Protein backbone atom coordinates (compact mmCIF):
# COMPACT_ATOMS: atom_id res chain seq x y z
CA MET A 1 -4.92 12.51 -14.79
CA PHE A 2 -4.83 8.73 -14.14
CA ALA A 3 -1.23 7.16 -14.04
CA SER A 4 -0.38 3.51 -13.13
CA ALA A 5 2.14 2.97 -10.40
CA VAL A 6 4.95 0.64 -10.58
CA ALA A 7 5.45 -1.74 -7.41
CA SER A 8 8.98 -2.53 -5.93
CA ALA A 9 9.56 -4.78 -3.08
CA GLY A 10 11.72 -3.94 -0.30
CA VAL A 11 11.87 -7.11 1.54
CA ASP A 12 9.21 -9.69 2.15
CA LEU A 13 6.69 -7.24 4.29
CA TRP A 14 7.21 -3.90 2.94
CA GLY A 15 7.52 -2.32 -0.42
CA TYR A 16 6.77 1.17 -2.48
CA PHE A 17 4.88 2.23 -5.53
CA SER A 18 6.61 4.87 -7.69
CA LEU A 19 4.68 6.88 -10.59
CA PRO A 20 7.39 7.32 -13.49
CA ALA A 21 4.75 8.53 -15.78
CA ILE A 22 4.64 11.44 -13.69
CA THR A 23 7.86 11.96 -12.06
CA GLY A 24 10.02 10.10 -14.97
CA ASN A 25 11.91 7.87 -12.40
CA PRO A 26 10.62 4.44 -11.20
CA ASN A 27 12.87 4.59 -8.24
CA ASN A 28 11.40 7.48 -6.47
CA PRO A 29 9.06 6.05 -3.94
CA GLU A 30 5.56 7.67 -3.74
CA VAL A 31 3.28 5.32 -1.64
CA LEU A 32 5.07 3.15 1.00
CA VAL A 33 3.24 0.00 2.12
CA LYS A 34 3.86 -2.65 4.91
CA MET A 35 2.26 -5.54 6.11
CA LEU A 36 2.91 -7.27 9.35
CA ASP A 37 1.75 -10.34 11.37
CA GLY A 38 -0.09 -9.22 14.20
CA THR A 39 -1.94 -12.70 14.68
CA ALA A 40 -0.32 -13.06 18.26
CA LEU A 41 -2.08 -9.85 19.30
CA ASN A 42 -5.47 -9.72 17.40
CA GLY A 43 -5.64 -12.84 15.12
CA SER A 44 -5.05 -10.61 12.17
CA TYR A 45 -2.54 -9.56 9.44
CA TRP A 46 -2.00 -5.59 9.71
CA PHE A 47 -1.52 -3.40 6.71
CA PHE A 48 -0.21 -0.06 6.61
CA TYR A 49 0.45 2.77 3.91
CA GLY A 50 1.61 6.31 3.51
CA GLY A 51 1.87 8.96 0.73
CA LEU A 52 4.80 10.61 -0.23
CA THR A 53 2.68 12.47 -2.53
CA ASN A 54 -0.42 14.52 -2.49
CA LEU A 55 -1.87 12.82 -5.56
CA GLN A 56 -5.05 10.43 -4.98
CA TYR A 57 -4.40 7.09 -5.25
CA THR A 58 -5.91 3.77 -4.53
CA LEU A 59 -4.36 0.41 -3.30
CA THR A 60 -5.93 -2.96 -3.72
CA VAL A 61 -4.33 -5.58 -1.71
CA THR A 62 -4.83 -9.48 -2.26
CA GLU A 63 -4.08 -12.19 -0.07
CA ASP A 64 -2.56 -15.12 -1.90
CA ALA A 65 -3.98 -17.88 0.09
CA THR A 66 -7.72 -16.74 -0.20
CA GLY A 67 -7.76 -14.34 -3.14
CA LYS A 68 -9.63 -11.87 -0.70
CA GLN A 69 -9.04 -8.17 -1.47
CA LYS A 70 -9.32 -5.05 0.43
CA THR A 71 -9.08 -1.53 -1.24
CA TYR A 72 -7.68 1.54 0.57
CA THR A 73 -8.17 4.86 -1.11
CA ASN A 74 -6.09 8.17 -0.12
CA PRO A 75 -7.63 11.20 -1.32
CA ALA A 76 -6.28 13.86 -3.50
CA GLY A 77 -4.50 16.97 -1.51
CA SER A 78 -3.56 14.54 1.47
CA GLU A 79 -0.08 13.12 2.16
CA CYS A 80 -1.28 11.00 5.04
CA GLY A 81 -2.15 7.22 4.61
CA GLY A 82 -3.85 4.67 6.94
CA SER A 83 -3.70 1.50 8.54
CA ASP A 84 -5.95 -1.80 8.91
CA THR A 85 -5.03 -3.92 11.82
CA ALA A 86 -7.66 -6.51 10.89
CA ALA A 87 -6.92 -6.40 7.25
CA PHE A 88 -6.68 -10.31 6.78
CA THR A 89 -7.33 -13.34 9.20
CA PRO A 90 -5.11 -16.56 8.73
């Protein structure tokens, strides 16, 4: 089953996605995401994501300044997420 997610901003650097077509609640977080400025440490922006569901999901992150995109997929049956400490460079 494919369901579109609804994005909700937390603050500037984090937010979450909900799956109201499945849960019936757009305020129920299913996937959390966070972007950090790690340029002082390795010259890159860092991206972290974690699922609060065991459904498969794919995230596509777009850097506004350049239009560069990165895609991250979490397989079905896994509640884990991942990180990319070299997601984008300024």
